[in-house]
Amino acid sequence: MAKQKIVVKVSMSNEKKTRKALKIAVSLSGVESASFVGSDKDQIAVTGEGIDSVELTTLLRKGVGYTELLSVGPVEEKKPDAKESKPAEVLMQFNPYQYYYNGYDLPYYVY
């Protein structure tokens, strides 16, 4: 199965219901992450593999209150850029054989 993203709108009037809704969302098997989305942070986006959206909605309705299933779809994978990044210059390098001065490391500079 492919990863999927489920967005659910939940009526969360106080902090206790917010915590409870997130706890219910991450308790399902297959959930990898859950986060708040939307302008009012009243939507929960759940990402994972093999998540039952109906079970998620039913559990949230029983535990928190009014819940509306907004969308179910595949996760959009980020593609790596084709550009090759140039490694940063090393300004200071650790040398395990360097001398110690009063118990402190002396920096070893590379130019």
PDB file of N, CA and C in Angstrom:
ATOM      1  N   MET A   1       0.835  -1.190   0.000  1.00  0.00           N
ATOM      2  CA  MET A   1       0.000   0.000   0.000  1.00  0.00           C
ATOM      3  C   MET A   1       0.874   1.246   0.000  1.00  0.00           C
ATOM      4  N   ALA A   2       0.336   2.301  -0.515  1.00  0.00           N
ATOM      5  CA  ALA A   2       1.062   3.572  -0.570  1.00  0.00           C
ATOM      6  C   ALA A   2       0.689   4.443   0.624  1.00  0.00           C
ATOM      7  N   LYS A   3       1.560   5.384   0.898  1.00  0.00           N
ATOM      8  CA  LYS A   3       1.266   6.320   1.985  1.00  0.00           C
ATOM      9  C   LYS A   3       0.083   7.187   1.594  1.00  0.00           C
ATOM     10  N   GLN A   4      -0.718   7.530   2.587  1.00  0.00           N
ATOM     11  CA  GLN A   4      -1.868   8.383   2.328  1.00  0.00           C
ATOM     12  C   GLN A   4      -1.956   9.475   3.376  1.00  0.00           C
ATOM     13  N   LYS A   5      -2.637  10.537   2.985  1.00  0.00           N
ATOM     14  CA  LYS A   5      -2.832  11.677   3.877  1.00  0.00           C
ATOM     15  C   LYS A   5      -4.329  11.881   4.049  1.00  0.00           C
ATOM     16  N   ILE A   6      -4.762  11.912   5.309  1.00  0.00           N
ATOM     17  CA  ILE A   6      -6.180  12.091   5.632  1.00  0.00           C
ATOM     18  C   ILE A   6      -6.313  13.404   6.392  1.00  0.00           C
ATOM     19  N   VAL A   7      -7.226  14.256   5.935  1.00  0.00           N
ATOM     20  CA  VAL A   7      -7.486  15.528   6.611  1.00  0.00           C
ATOM     21  C   VAL A   7      -8.894  15.476   7.185  1.00  0.00           C
ATOM     22  N   VAL A   8      -8.996  15.741   8.503  1.00  0.00           N
ATOM     23  CA  VAL A   8     -10.258  15.663   9.231  1.00  0.00           C
ATOM     24  C   VAL A   8     -10.481  16.983   9.952  1.00  0.00           C
ATOM     25  N   LYS A   9     -11.704  17.519   9.842  1.00  0.00           N
ATOM     26  CA  LYS A   9     -12.053  18.742  10.568  1.00  0.00           C
ATOM     27  C   LYS A   9     -12.763  18.338  11.853  1.00  0.00           C
ATOM     28  N   VAL A  10     -12.241  18.830  12.980  1.00  0.00           N
ATOM     29  CA  VAL A  10     -12.762  18.456  14.292  1.00  0.00           C
ATOM     30  C   VAL A  10     -13.123  19.723  15.053  1.00  0.00           C
ATOM     31  N   SER A  11     -14.259  19.695  15.749  1.00  0.00           N
ATOM     32  CA  SER A  11     -14.627  20.843  16.582  1.00  0.00           C
ATOM     33  C   SER A  11     -13.924  20.712  17.921  1.00  0.00           C
ATOM     34  N   MET A  12     -12.890  21.513  18.104  1.00  0.00           N
ATOM     35  CA  MET A  12     -12.105  21.474  19.337  1.00  0.00           C
ATOM     36  C   MET A  12     -12.241  22.829  20.015  1.00  0.00           C
ATOM     37  N   SER A  13     -13.053  22.862  21.083  1.00  0.00           N
ATOM     38  CA  SER A  13     -13.345  24.140  21.714  1.00  0.00           C
ATOM     39  C   SER A  13     -12.343  24.523  22.796  1.00  0.00           C
ATOM     40  N   ASN A  14     -11.642  23.545  23.366  1.00  0.00           N
ATOM     41  CA  ASN A  14     -10.677  23.868  24.411  1.00  0.00           C
ATOM     42  C   ASN A  14      -9.425  23.019  24.260  1.00  0.00           C
ATOM     43  N   GLU A  15      -8.439  23.270  25.094  1.00  0.00           N
ATOM     44  CA  GLU A  15      -7.143  22.590  25.010  1.00  0.00           C
ATOM     45  C   GLU A  15      -7.257  21.099  25.312  1.00  0.00           C
ATOM     46  N   LYS A  16      -8.159  20.736  26.211  1.00  0.00           N
ATOM     47  CA  LYS A  16      -8.329  19.338  26.577  1.00  0.00           C
ATOM     48  C   LYS A  16      -8.823  18.516  25.381  1.00  0.00           C
ATOM     49  N   LYS A  17      -9.791  19.053  24.644  1.00  0.00           N
ATOM     50  CA  LYS A  17     -10.297  18.351  23.465  1.00  0.00           C
ATOM     51  C   LYS A  17      -9.251  18.295  22.357  1.00  0.00           C
ATOM     52  N   THR A  18      -8.428  19.319  22.259  1.00  0.00           N
ATOM     53  CA  THR A  18      -7.373  19.343  21.253  1.00  0.00           C
ATOM     54  C   THR A  18      -6.376  18.221  21.511  1.00  0.00           C
ATOM     55  N   ARG A  19      -5.934  18.085  22.754  1.00  0.00           N
ATOM     56  CA  ARG A  19      -4.989  17.025  23.113  1.00  0.00           C
ATOM     57  C   ARG A  19      -5.610  15.640  22.922  1.00  0.00           C
ATOM     58  N   LYS A  20      -6.877  15.514  23.283  1.00  0.00           N
ATOM     59  CA  LYS A  20      -7.555  14.230  23.165  1.00  0.00           C
ATOM     60  C   LYS A  20      -7.709  13.820  21.699  1.00  0.00           C
ATOM     61  N   ALA A  21      -8.028  14.778  20.839  1.00  0.00           N
ATOM     62  CA  ALA A  21      -8.180  14.490  19.410  1.00  0.00           C
ATOM     63  C   ALA A  21      -6.863  14.033  18.800  1.00  0.00           C
ATOM     64  N   LEU A  22      -5.769  14.694  19.151  1.00  0.00           N
ATOM     65  CA  LEU A  22      -4.469  14.310  18.622  1.00  0.00           C
ATOM     66  C   LEU A  22      -4.051  12.941  19.161  1.00  0.00           C
ATOM     67  N   LYS A  23      -4.359  12.661  20.408  1.00  0.00           N
ATOM     68  CA  LYS A  23      -4.036  11.370  21.014  1.00  0.00           C
ATOM     69  C   LYS A  23      -4.798  10.238  20.322  1.00  0.00           C
ATOM     70  N   ILE A  24      -6.048  10.464  19.984  1.00  0.00           N
ATOM     71  CA  ILE A  24      -6.847   9.465  19.276  1.00  0.00           C
ATOM     72  C   ILE A  24      -6.289   9.248  17.875  1.00  0.00           C
ATOM     73  N   ALA A  25      -5.888  10.330  17.214  1.00  0.00           N
ATOM     74  CA  ALA A  25      -5.395  10.230  15.842  1.00  0.00           C
ATOM     75  C   ALA A  25      -4.108   9.417  15.754  1.00  0.00           C
ATOM     76  N   VAL A  26      -3.207   9.593  16.699  1.00  0.00           N
ATOM     77  CA  VAL A  26      -1.936   8.867  16.635  1.00  0.00           C
ATOM     78  C   VAL A  26      -2.030   7.462  17.216  1.00  0.00           C
ATOM     79  N   SER A  27      -3.151   7.106  17.841  1.00  0.00           N
ATOM     80  CA  SER A  27      -3.288   5.781  18.428  1.00  0.00           C
ATOM     81  C   SER A  27      -3.614   4.707  17.397  1.00  0.00           C
ATOM     82  N   LEU A  28      -4.051   5.096  16.206  1.00  0.00           N
ATOM     83  CA  LEU A  28      -4.391   4.112  15.177  1.00  0.00           C
ATOM     84  C   LEU A  28      -3.134   3.459  14.620  1.00  0.00           C
ATOM     85  N   SER A  29      -3.280   2.221  14.185  1.00  0.00           N
ATOM     86  CA  SER A  29      -2.133   1.523  13.607  1.00  0.00           C
ATOM     87  C   SER A  29      -1.854   2.070  12.200  1.00  0.00           C
ATOM     88  N   GLY A  30      -0.584   2.219  11.890  1.00  0.00           N
ATOM     89  CA  GLY A  30      -0.165   2.709  10.581  1.00  0.00           C
ATOM     90  C   GLY A  30       0.083   4.195  10.521  1.00  0.00           C
ATOM     91  N   VAL A  31      -0.227   4.923  11.577  1.00  0.00           N
ATOM     92  CA  VAL A  31      -0.047   6.377  11.584  1.00  0.00           C
ATOM     93  C   VAL A  31       1.424   6.702  11.811  1.00  0.00           C
ATOM     94  N   GLU A  32       1.990   7.514  10.921  1.00  0.00           N
ATOM     95  CA  GLU A  32       3.377   7.957  11.060  1.00  0.00           C
ATOM     96  C   GLU A  32       3.465   9.352  11.652  1.00  0.00           C
ATOM     97  N   SER A  33       2.532  10.228  11.276  1.00  0.00           N
ATOM     98  CA  SER A  33       2.547  11.582  11.824  1.00  0.00           C
ATOM     99  C   SER A  33       1.144  12.160  11.813  1.00  0.00           C
ATOM    100  N   ALA A  34       0.933  13.100  12.721  1.00  0.00           N
ATOM    101  CA  ALA A  34      -0.338  13.815  12.802  1.00  0.00           C
ATOM    102  C   ALA A  34      -0.025  15.253  13.168  1.00  0.00           C
ATOM    103  N   SER A  35      -0.670  16.188  12.494  1.00  0.00           N
ATOM    104  CA  SER A  35      -0.399  17.604  12.770  1.00  0.00           C
ATOM    105  C   SER A  35      -1.660  18.420  12.541  1.00  0.00           C
ATOM    106  N   PHE A  36      -1.672  19.616  13.135  1.00  0.00           N
ATOM    107  CA  PHE A  36      -2.785  20.537  12.954  1.00  0.00           C
ATOM    108  C   PHE A  36      -2.542  21.377  11.712  1.00  0.00           C
ATOM    109  N   VAL A  37      -3.560  21.525  10.896  1.00  0.00           N
ATOM    110  CA  VAL A  37      -3.481  22.345   9.697  1.00  0.00           C
ATOM    111  C   VAL A  37      -4.704  23.235   9.638  1.00  0.00           C
ATOM    112  N   GLY A  38      -4.721  24.134   8.682  1.00  0.00           N
ATOM    113  CA  GLY A  38      -5.846  25.036   8.524  1.00  0.00           C
ATOM    114  C   GLY A  38      -5.580  26.376   9.173  1.00  0.00           C
ATOM    115  N   SER A  39      -6.401  27.342   8.847  1.00  0.00           N
ATOM    116  CA  SER A  39      -6.202  28.687   9.372  1.00  0.00           C
ATOM    117  C   SER A  39      -6.482  28.775  10.868  1.00  0.00           C
ATOM    118  N   ASP A  40      -7.479  28.047  11.350  1.00  0.00           N
ATOM    119  CA  ASP A  40      -7.838  28.084  12.769  1.00  0.00           C
ATOM    120  C   ASP A  40      -7.271  26.898  13.546  1.00  0.00           C
ATOM    121  N   LYS A  41      -6.431  26.093  12.896  1.00  0.00           N
ATOM    122  CA  LYS A  41      -5.866  24.882  13.503  1.00  0.00           C
ATOM    123  C   LYS A  41      -6.971  23.962  14.005  1.00  0.00           C
ATOM    124  N   ASP A  42      -8.061  23.891  13.245  1.00  0.00           N
ATOM    125  CA  ASP A  42      -9.173  23.022  13.616  1.00  0.00           C
ATOM    126  C   ASP A  42      -9.221  21.761  12.758  1.00  0.00           C
ATOM    127  N   GLN A  43      -8.187  21.534  11.957  1.00  0.00           N
ATOM    128  CA  GLN A  43      -8.106  20.356  11.116  1.00  0.00           C
ATOM    129  C   GLN A  43      -6.877  19.544  11.512  1.00  0.00           C
ATOM    130  N   ILE A  44      -7.007  18.227  11.433  1.00  0.00           N
ATOM    131  CA  ILE A  44      -5.897  17.335  11.736  1.00  0.00           C
ATOM    132  C   ILE A  44      -5.526  16.589  10.460  1.00  0.00           C
ATOM    133  N   ALA A  45      -4.245  16.669  10.073  1.00  0.00           N
ATOM    134  CA  ALA A  45      -3.732  15.928   8.929  1.00  0.00           C
ATOM    135  C   ALA A  45      -2.966  14.725   9.445  1.00  0.00           C
ATOM    136  N   VAL A  46      -3.423  13.541   9.069  1.00  0.00           N
ATOM    137  CA  VAL A  46      -2.816  12.293   9.521  1.00  0.00           C
ATOM    138  C   VAL A  46      -2.161  11.630   8.323  1.00  0.00           C
ATOM    139  N   THR A  47      -0.877  11.283   8.466  1.00  0.00           N
ATOM    140  CA  THR A  47      -0.124  10.665   7.385  1.00  0.00           C
ATOM    141  C   THR A  47       0.332   9.286   7.819  1.00  0.00           C
ATOM    142  N   GLY A  48       0.214   8.304   6.915  1.00  0.00           N
ATOM    143  CA  GLY A  48       0.660   6.961   7.231  1.00  0.00           C
ATOM    144  C   GLY A  48       0.268   5.978   6.156  1.00  0.00           C
ATOM    145  N   GLU A  49       0.462   4.718   6.472  1.00  0.00           N
ATOM    146  CA  GLU A  49       0.186   3.667   5.509  1.00  0.00           C
ATOM    147  C   GLU A  49      -0.851   2.709   6.077  1.00  0.00           C
ATOM    148  N   GLY A  50      -1.914   2.472   5.330  1.00  0.00           N
ATOM    149  CA  GLY A  50      -2.946   1.530   5.755  1.00  0.00           C
ATOM    150  C   GLY A  50      -3.870   2.060   6.834  1.00  0.00           C
ATOM    151  N   ILE A  51      -4.148   3.349   6.832  1.00  0.00           N
ATOM    152  CA  ILE A  51      -5.027   3.948   7.839  1.00  0.00           C
ATOM    153  C   ILE A  51      -6.466   3.871   7.348  1.00  0.00           C
ATOM    154  N   ASP A  52      -7.365   3.457   8.224  1.00  0.00           N
ATOM    155  CA  ASP A  52      -8.783   3.406   7.886  1.00  0.00           C
ATOM    156  C   ASP A  52      -9.407   4.759   8.225  1.00  0.00           C
ATOM    157  N   SER A  53      -9.808   5.505   7.207  1.00  0.00           N
ATOM    158  CA  SER A  53     -10.336   6.852   7.416  1.00  0.00           C
ATOM    159  C   SER A  53     -11.686   6.841   8.128  1.00  0.00           C
ATOM    160  N   VAL A  54     -12.497   5.834   7.887  1.00  0.00           N
ATOM    161  CA  VAL A  54     -13.804   5.735   8.544  1.00  0.00           C
ATOM    162  C   VAL A  54     -13.619   5.459  10.036  1.00  0.00           C
ATOM    163  N   GLU A  55     -12.675   4.580  10.370  1.00  0.00           N
ATOM    164  CA  GLU A  55     -12.399   4.282  11.779  1.00  0.00           C
ATOM    165  C   GLU A  55     -11.876   5.514  12.507  1.00  0.00           C
ATOM    166  N   LEU A  56     -10.995   6.267  11.845  1.00  0.00           N
ATOM    167  CA  LEU A  56     -10.460   7.501  12.430  1.00  0.00           C
ATOM    168  C   LEU A  56     -11.577   8.490  12.717  1.00  0.00           C
ATOM    169  N   THR A  57     -12.456   8.690  11.743  1.00  0.00           N
ATOM    170  CA  THR A  57     -13.565   9.635  11.906  1.00  0.00           C
ATOM    171  C   THR A  57     -14.521   9.185  13.010  1.00  0.00           C
ATOM    172  N   THR A  58     -14.830   7.901  13.056  1.00  0.00           N
ATOM    173  CA  THR A  58     -15.750   7.371  14.073  1.00  0.00           C
ATOM    174  C   THR A  58     -15.173   7.536  15.475  1.00  0.00           C
ATOM    175  N   LEU A  59     -13.875   7.222  15.645  1.00  0.00           N
ATOM    176  CA  LEU A  59     -13.255   7.362  16.961  1.00  0.00           C
ATOM    177  C   LEU A  59     -13.213   8.820  17.414  1.00  0.00           C
ATOM    178  N   LEU A  60     -12.937   9.725  16.484  1.00  0.00           N
ATOM    179  CA  LEU A  60     -12.918  11.151  16.835  1.00  0.00           C
ATOM    180  C   LEU A  60     -14.310  11.653  17.189  1.00  0.00           C
ATOM    181  N   ARG A  61     -15.327  11.151  16.506  1.00  0.00           N
ATOM    182  CA  ARG A  61     -16.702  11.557  16.835  1.00  0.00           C
ATOM    183  C   ARG A  61     -17.096  11.079  18.232  1.00  0.00           C
ATOM    184  N   LYS A  62     -16.709   9.857  18.578  1.00  0.00           N
ATOM    185  CA  LYS A  62     -17.040   9.320  19.898  1.00  0.00           C
ATOM    186  C   LYS A  62     -16.267  10.037  21.004  1.00  0.00           C
ATOM    187  N   GLY A  63     -14.994  10.355  20.752  1.00  0.00           N
ATOM    188  CA  GLY A  63     -14.154  10.917  21.793  1.00  0.00           C
ATOM    189  C   GLY A  63     -14.221  12.413  21.943  1.00  0.00           C
ATOM    190  N   VAL A  64     -14.368  13.138  20.822  1.00  0.00           N
ATOM    191  CA  VAL A  64     -14.276  14.602  20.873  1.00  0.00           C
ATOM    192  C   VAL A  64     -15.600  15.282  20.567  1.00  0.00           C
ATOM    193  N   GLY A  65     -16.253  14.857  19.511  1.00  0.00           N
ATOM    194  CA  GLY A  65     -17.503  15.501  19.120  1.00  0.00           C
ATOM    195  C   GLY A  65     -17.613  15.548  17.608  1.00  0.00           C
ATOM    196  N   TYR A  66     -18.185  16.636  17.094  1.00  0.00           N
ATOM    197  CA  TYR A  66     -18.428  16.773  15.668  1.00  0.00           C
ATOM    198  C   TYR A  66     -17.128  16.631  14.883  1.00  0.00           C
ATOM    199  N   THR A  67     -17.127  15.723  13.901  1.00  0.00           N
ATOM    200  CA  THR A  67     -15.956  15.475  13.057  1.00  0.00           C
ATOM    201  C   THR A  67     -16.406  15.319  11.622  1.00  0.00           C
ATOM    202  N   GLU A  68     -15.665  15.926  10.708  1.00  0.00           N
ATOM    203  CA  GLU A  68     -15.992  15.872   9.289  1.00  0.00           C
ATOM    204  C   GLU A  68     -14.764  15.431   8.514  1.00  0.00           C
ATOM    205  N   LEU A  69     -14.890  14.398   7.694  1.00  0.00           N
ATOM    206  CA  LEU A  69     -13.799  13.903   6.870  1.00  0.00           C
ATOM    207  C   LEU A  69     -13.693  14.796   5.636  1.00  0.00           C
ATOM    208  N   LEU A  70     -12.567  15.509   5.495  1.00  0.00           N
ATOM    209  CA  LEU A  70     -12.413  16.451   4.394  1.00  0.00           C
ATOM    210  C   LEU A  70     -11.773  15.836   3.159  1.00  0.00           C
ATOM    211  N   SER A  71     -10.659  15.133   3.325  1.00  0.00           N
ATOM    212  CA  SER A  71     -10.003  14.565   2.145  1.00  0.00           C
ATOM    213  C   SER A  71      -9.156  13.357   2.510  1.00  0.00           C
ATOM    214  N   VAL A  72      -9.043  12.462   1.527  1.00  0.00           N
ATOM    215  CA  VAL A  72      -8.177  11.295   1.615  1.00  0.00           C
ATOM    216  C   VAL A  72      -7.442  11.218   0.293  1.00  0.00           C
ATOM    217  N   GLY A  73      -6.110  11.165   0.352  1.00  0.00           N
ATOM    218  CA  GLY A  73      -5.348  11.113  -0.883  1.00  0.00           C
ATOM    219  C   GLY A  73      -3.918  10.676  -0.640  1.00  0.00           C
ATOM    220  N   PRO A  74      -3.181  10.453  -1.733  1.00  0.00           N
ATOM    221  CA  PRO A  74      -1.786  10.030  -1.594  1.00  0.00           C
ATOM    222  C   PRO A  74      -0.917  11.178  -1.100  1.00  0.00           C
ATOM    223  N   VAL A  75       0.195  10.813  -0.463  1.00  0.00           N
ATOM    224  CA  VAL A  75       1.140  11.804   0.038  1.00  0.00           C
ATOM    225  C   VAL A  75       1.973  12.311  -1.126  1.00  0.00           C
ATOM    226  N   GLU A  76       2.162  13.619  -1.179  1.00  0.00           N
ATOM    227  CA  GLU A  76       2.984  14.207  -2.223  1.00  0.00           C
ATOM    228  C   GLU A  76       4.443  14.105  -1.807  1.00  0.00           C
ATOM    229  N   GLU A  77       5.219  13.325  -2.547  1.00  0.00           N
ATOM    230  CA  GLU A  77       6.634  13.136  -2.237  1.00  0.00           C
ATOM    231  C   GLU A  77       7.438  14.314  -2.776  1.00  0.00           C
ATOM    232  N   LYS A  78       8.373  14.791  -1.973  1.00  0.00           N
ATOM    233  CA  LYS A  78       9.254  15.863  -2.425  1.00  0.00           C
ATOM    234  C   LYS A  78      10.389  15.256  -3.233  1.00  0.00           C
ATOM    235  N   LYS A  79      10.638  15.822  -4.399  1.00  0.00           N
ATOM    236  CA  LYS A  79      11.725  15.325  -5.234  1.00  0.00           C
ATOM    237  C   LYS A  79      12.984  16.132  -4.943  1.00  0.00           C
ATOM    238  N   PRO A  80      14.113  15.458  -4.839  1.00  0.00           N
ATOM    239  CA  PRO A  80      15.360  16.189  -4.567  1.00  0.00           C
ATOM    240  C   PRO A  80      15.756  17.057  -5.758  1.00  0.00           C
ATOM    241  N   ASP A  81      16.393  18.164  -5.456  1.00  0.00           N
ATOM    242  CA  ASP A  81      16.820  19.069  -6.512  1.00  0.00           C
ATOM    243  C   ASP A  81      17.939  18.435  -7.321  1.00  0.00           C
ATOM    244  N   ALA A  82      17.985  18.787  -8.605  1.00  0.00           N
ATOM    245  CA  ALA A  82      19.005  18.240  -9.499  1.00  0.00           C
ATOM    246  C   ALA A  82      20.346  18.940  -9.301  1.00  0.00           C
ATOM    247  N   LYS A  83      20.333  20.076  -8.623  1.00  0.00           N
ATOM    248  CA  LYS A  83      21.564  20.821  -8.399  1.00  0.00           C
ATOM    249  C   LYS A  83      22.463  20.061  -7.437  1.00  0.00           C
ATOM    250  N   GLU A  84      23.744  20.087  -7.728  1.00  0.00           N
ATOM    251  CA  GLU A  84      24.702  19.503  -6.803  1.00  0.00           C
ATOM    252  C   GLU A  84      25.198  20.604  -5.894  1.00  0.00           C
ATOM    253  N   SER A  85      24.996  20.422  -4.624  1.00  0.00           N
ATOM    254  CA  SER A  85      25.406  21.462  -3.690  1.00  0.00           C
ATOM    255  C   SER A  85      26.905  21.359  -3.443  1.00  0.00           C
ATOM    256  N   LYS A  86      27.539  22.502  -3.406  1.00  0.00           N
ATOM    257  CA  LYS A  86      28.974  22.579  -3.164  1.00  0.00           C
ATOM    258  C   LYS A  86      29.203  22.461  -1.659  1.00  0.00           C
ATOM    259  N   PRO A  87      30.097  21.560  -1.231  1.00  0.00           N
ATOM    260  CA  PRO A  87      30.320  21.429   0.212  1.00  0.00           C
ATOM    261  C   PRO A  87      30.941  22.693   0.794  1.00  0.00           C
ATOM    262  N   ALA A  88      30.559  23.005   2.001  1.00  0.00           N
ATOM    263  CA  ALA A  88      31.074  24.200   2.670  1.00  0.00           C
ATOM    264  C   ALA A  88      32.547  23.997   3.024  1.00  0.00           C
ATOM    265  N   GLU A  89      33.282  25.088   3.052  1.00  0.00           N
ATOM    266  CA  GLU A  89      34.694  25.009   3.403  1.00  0.00           C
ATOM    267  C   GLU A  89      34.838  24.664   4.875  1.00  0.00           C
ATOM    268  N   VAL A  90      35.818  23.872   5.154  1.00  0.00           N
ATOM    269  CA  VAL A  90      36.090  23.484   6.533  1.00  0.00           C
ATOM    270  C   VAL A  90      36.980  24.541   7.152  1.00  0.00           C
ATOM    271  N   LEU A  91      36.453  25.221   8.155  1.00  0.00           N
ATOM    272  CA  LEU A  91      37.219  26.261   8.818  1.00  0.00           C
ATOM    273  C   LEU A  91      37.963  25.713  10.024  1.00  0.00           C
ATOM    274  N   MET A  92      37.350  24.743  10.699  1.00  0.00           N
ATOM    275  CA  MET A  92      37.987  24.165  11.865  1.00  0.00           C
ATOM    276  C   MET A  92      37.767  22.665  11.826  1.00  0.00           C
ATOM    277  N   GLN A  93      38.795  21.903  12.064  1.00  0.00           N
ATOM    278  CA  GLN A  93      38.714  20.459  11.965  1.00  0.00           C
ATOM    279  C   GLN A  93      39.223  19.844  13.263  1.00  0.00           C
ATOM    280  N   PHE A  94      38.563  18.798  13.713  1.00  0.00           N
ATOM    281  CA  PHE A  94      38.975  18.140  14.943  1.00  0.00           C
ATOM    282  C   PHE A  94      40.122  17.185  14.646  1.00  0.00           C
ATOM    283  N   ASN A  95      41.167  17.250  15.427  1.00  0.00           N
ATOM    284  CA  ASN A  95      42.306  16.363  15.290  1.00  0.00           C
ATOM    285  C   ASN A  95      42.428  15.569  16.592  1.00  0.00           C
ATOM    286  N   PRO A  96      42.247  14.266  16.559  1.00  0.00           N
ATOM    287  CA  PRO A  96      42.292  13.492  17.804  1.00  0.00           C
ATOM    288  C   PRO A  96      43.684  13.432  18.433  1.00  0.00           C
ATOM    289  N   TYR A  97      44.729  13.762  17.684  1.00  0.00           N
ATOM    290  CA  TYR A  97      46.090  13.694  18.193  1.00  0.00           C
ATOM    291  C   TYR A  97      46.636  15.048  18.606  1.00  0.00           C
ATOM    292  N   GLN A  98      45.774  16.027  18.746  1.00  0.00           N
ATOM    293  CA  GLN A  98      46.258  17.356  19.095  1.00  0.00           C
ATOM    294  C   GLN A  98      46.593  17.439  20.576  1.00  0.00           C
ATOM    295  N   TYR A  99      47.323  18.459  20.934  1.00  0.00           N
ATOM    296  CA  TYR A  99      47.734  18.653  22.314  1.00  0.00           C
ATOM    297  C   TYR A  99      46.627  19.318  23.116  1.00  0.00           C
ATOM    298  N   TYR A 100      46.651  19.119  24.397  1.00  0.00           N
ATOM    299  CA  TYR A 100      45.685  19.713  25.299  1.00  0.00           C
ATOM    300  C   TYR A 100      46.384  20.769  26.152  1.00  0.00           C
ATOM    301  N   TYR A 101      45.666  21.828  26.448  1.00  0.00           N
ATOM    302  CA  TYR A 101      46.183  22.905  27.272  1.00  0.00           C
ATOM    303  C   TYR A 101      45.221  23.096  28.432  1.00  0.00           C
ATOM    304  N   ASN A 102      45.631  22.770  29.637  1.00  0.00           N
ATOM    305  CA  ASN A 102      44.811  22.856  30.855  1.00  0.00           C
ATOM    306  C   ASN A 102      43.492  22.099  30.705  1.00  0.00           C
ATOM    307  N   GLY A 103      43.527  20.966  30.038  1.00  0.00           N
ATOM    308  CA  GLY A 103      42.336  20.141  29.890  1.00  0.00           C
ATOM    309  C   GLY A 103      41.419  20.564  28.756  1.00  0.00           C
ATOM    310  N   TYR A 104      41.751  21.608  28.009  1.00  0.00           N
ATOM    311  CA  TYR A 104      40.911  22.072  26.911  1.00  0.00           C
ATOM    312  C   TYR A 104      41.581  21.757  25.581  1.00  0.00           C
ATOM    313  N   ASP A 105      40.766  21.509  24.565  1.00  0.00           N
ATOM    314  CA  ASP A 105      41.299  21.239  23.230  1.00  0.00           C
ATOM    315  C   ASP A 105      41.842  22.527  22.627  1.00  0.00           C
ATOM    316  N   LEU A 106      42.912  22.391  21.919  1.00  0.00           N
ATOM    317  CA  LEU A 106      43.408  23.510  21.121  1.00  0.00           C
ATOM    318  C   LEU A 106      42.855  23.346  19.727  1.00  0.00           C
ATOM    319  N   PRO A 107      42.254  24.370  19.148  1.00  0.00           N
ATOM    320  CA  PRO A 107      41.680  24.235  17.808  1.00  0.00           C
ATOM    321  C   PRO A 107      42.762  24.030  16.761  1.00  0.00           C
ATOM    322  N   TYR A 108      42.419  23.244  15.762  1.00  0.00           N
ATOM    323  CA  TYR A 108      43.332  22.951  14.668  1.00  0.00           C
ATOM    324  C   TYR A 108      42.695  23.555  13.412  1.00  0.00           C
ATOM    325  N   TYR A 109      43.239  24.605  12.866  1.00  0.00           N
ATOM    326  CA  TYR A 109      42.645  25.317  11.739  1.00  0.00           C
ATOM    327  C   TYR A 109      43.170  24.777  10.421  1.00  0.00           C
ATOM    328  N   VAL A 110      42.279  24.695   9.443  1.00  0.00           N
ATOM    329  CA  VAL A 110      42.638  24.258   8.102  1.00  0.00           C
ATOM    330  C   VAL A 110      42.316  25.411   7.159  1.00  0.00           C
ATOM    331  N   TYR A 111      43.309  25.811   6.372  1.00  0.00           N
ATOM    332  CA  TYR A 111      43.093  26.910   5.427  1.00  0.00           C
ATOM    333  C   TYR A 111      43.107  26.433   4.010  1.00  0.00           C
TER     334      TYR A 111
END
